[in-house]
Amino acid sequence: MNRYITIEKFIDILNEENLPQEHHVMVLAVLADISLHTDRFLINSSELVQMAAQYSPAFQKLPADRQAFISSVLSMPLFLIM
């Protein structure tokens, strides 16, 4: 079954993850860019990472190591109870 989550809900989840402030701000900037194009994404897929590469100037200007970190956050496994 394909399950989608809103960017807003994903931000709520991230707020509970206690990322270091610098990383949290970077992820939020990328999600803000993506949210200009869509409000949801397919969980447990690479869709959000693909959208970051396609739509986010904040993501595109990061060095490769930072992009890799952000990609790992954006593709973290999500297990949602509905």
Protein backbone atom coordinates (compact mmCIF):
# COMPACT_ATOMS: atom_id res chain seq x y z
CA MET A 1 0.00 0.00 0.00
CA ASN A 2 1.33 3.43 -0.94
CA ARG A 3 1.26 5.76 2.03
CA TYR A 4 1.81 9.46 1.90
CA ILE A 5 2.66 11.97 4.60
CA THR A 6 2.44 15.74 4.48
CA ILE A 7 5.55 17.87 4.67
CA GLU A 8 4.00 19.52 7.73
CA LYS A 9 3.64 16.18 9.53
CA PHE A 10 7.21 15.24 8.59
CA ILE A 11 8.40 18.52 10.13
CA ASP A 12 6.52 17.62 13.33
CA ILE A 13 8.35 14.28 13.38
CA LEU A 14 11.70 15.97 12.79
CA ASN A 15 11.06 18.38 15.64
CA GLU A 16 10.98 15.36 17.96
CA GLU A 17 14.25 13.92 16.61
CA ASN A 18 16.56 16.39 18.39
CA LEU A 19 18.82 17.02 15.42
CA PRO A 20 21.65 19.47 16.08
CA GLN A 21 20.31 22.99 15.48
CA GLU A 22 22.50 23.61 12.40
CA HIS A 23 21.28 20.42 10.73
CA HIS A 24 17.68 21.01 11.73
CA VAL A 25 17.74 24.46 10.13
CA MET A 26 19.23 23.04 6.91
CA VAL A 27 16.56 20.34 6.67
CA LEU A 28 13.79 22.88 7.30
CA ALA A 29 15.16 25.12 4.54
CA VAL A 30 15.13 22.21 2.09
CA LEU A 31 11.59 21.23 3.11
CA ALA A 32 10.44 24.84 2.70
CA ASP A 33 11.74 24.80 -0.88
CA ILE A 34 10.02 21.48 -1.60
CA SER A 35 6.74 22.66 -0.08
CA LEU A 36 6.48 25.30 -2.78
CA HIS A 37 5.92 22.41 -5.22
CA THR A 38 4.07 19.77 -3.20
CA ASP A 39 2.58 19.27 0.23
CA ARG A 40 3.11 15.49 0.55
CA PHE A 41 5.41 12.63 -0.38
CA LEU A 42 5.49 8.84 -0.44
CA ILE A 43 6.94 7.51 2.80
CA ASN A 44 9.80 5.01 2.85
CA SER A 45 10.89 5.95 -0.65
CA SER A 46 13.50 8.17 -2.27
CA GLU A 47 10.82 10.60 -3.46
CA LEU A 48 11.64 13.35 -0.94
CA VAL A 49 15.38 13.17 -1.75
CA GLN A 50 14.59 13.40 -5.46
CA MET A 51 12.42 16.45 -4.83
CA ALA A 52 15.21 18.06 -2.79
CA ALA A 53 17.61 17.64 -5.70
CA GLN A 54 15.04 18.90 -8.18
CA TYR A 55 13.36 21.76 -6.32
CA SER A 56 15.58 22.98 -3.48
CA PRO A 57 18.22 25.64 -4.11
CA ALA A 58 19.19 25.23 -0.44
CA PHE A 59 19.95 21.55 -1.07
CA GLN A 60 21.62 22.10 -4.43
CA LYS A 61 24.18 24.57 -3.06
CA LEU A 62 25.30 22.30 -0.20
CA PRO A 63 28.59 20.41 -0.47
CA ALA A 64 28.31 16.68 -1.20
CA ASP A 65 28.82 15.59 2.42
CA ARG A 66 26.00 17.86 3.62
CA GLN A 67 23.75 16.69 0.79
CA ALA A 68 24.42 13.11 1.87
CA PHE A 69 23.48 13.92 5.46
CA ILE A 70 20.29 15.75 4.44
CA SER A 71 19.43 12.86 2.11
CA SER A 72 19.76 10.42 5.01
CA VAL A 73 17.36 12.50 7.09
CA LEU A 74 14.88 12.88 4.24
CA SER A 75 14.90 9.14 3.58
CA MET A 76 14.72 7.94 7.17
CA PRO A 77 12.28 5.06 7.66
CA LEU A 78 8.86 6.14 8.85
CA PHE A 79 6.46 3.84 10.61
CA LEU A 80 3.11 5.55 11.04
CA ILE A 81 0.17 4.27 12.98
CA MET A 82 -3.03 5.54 11.42
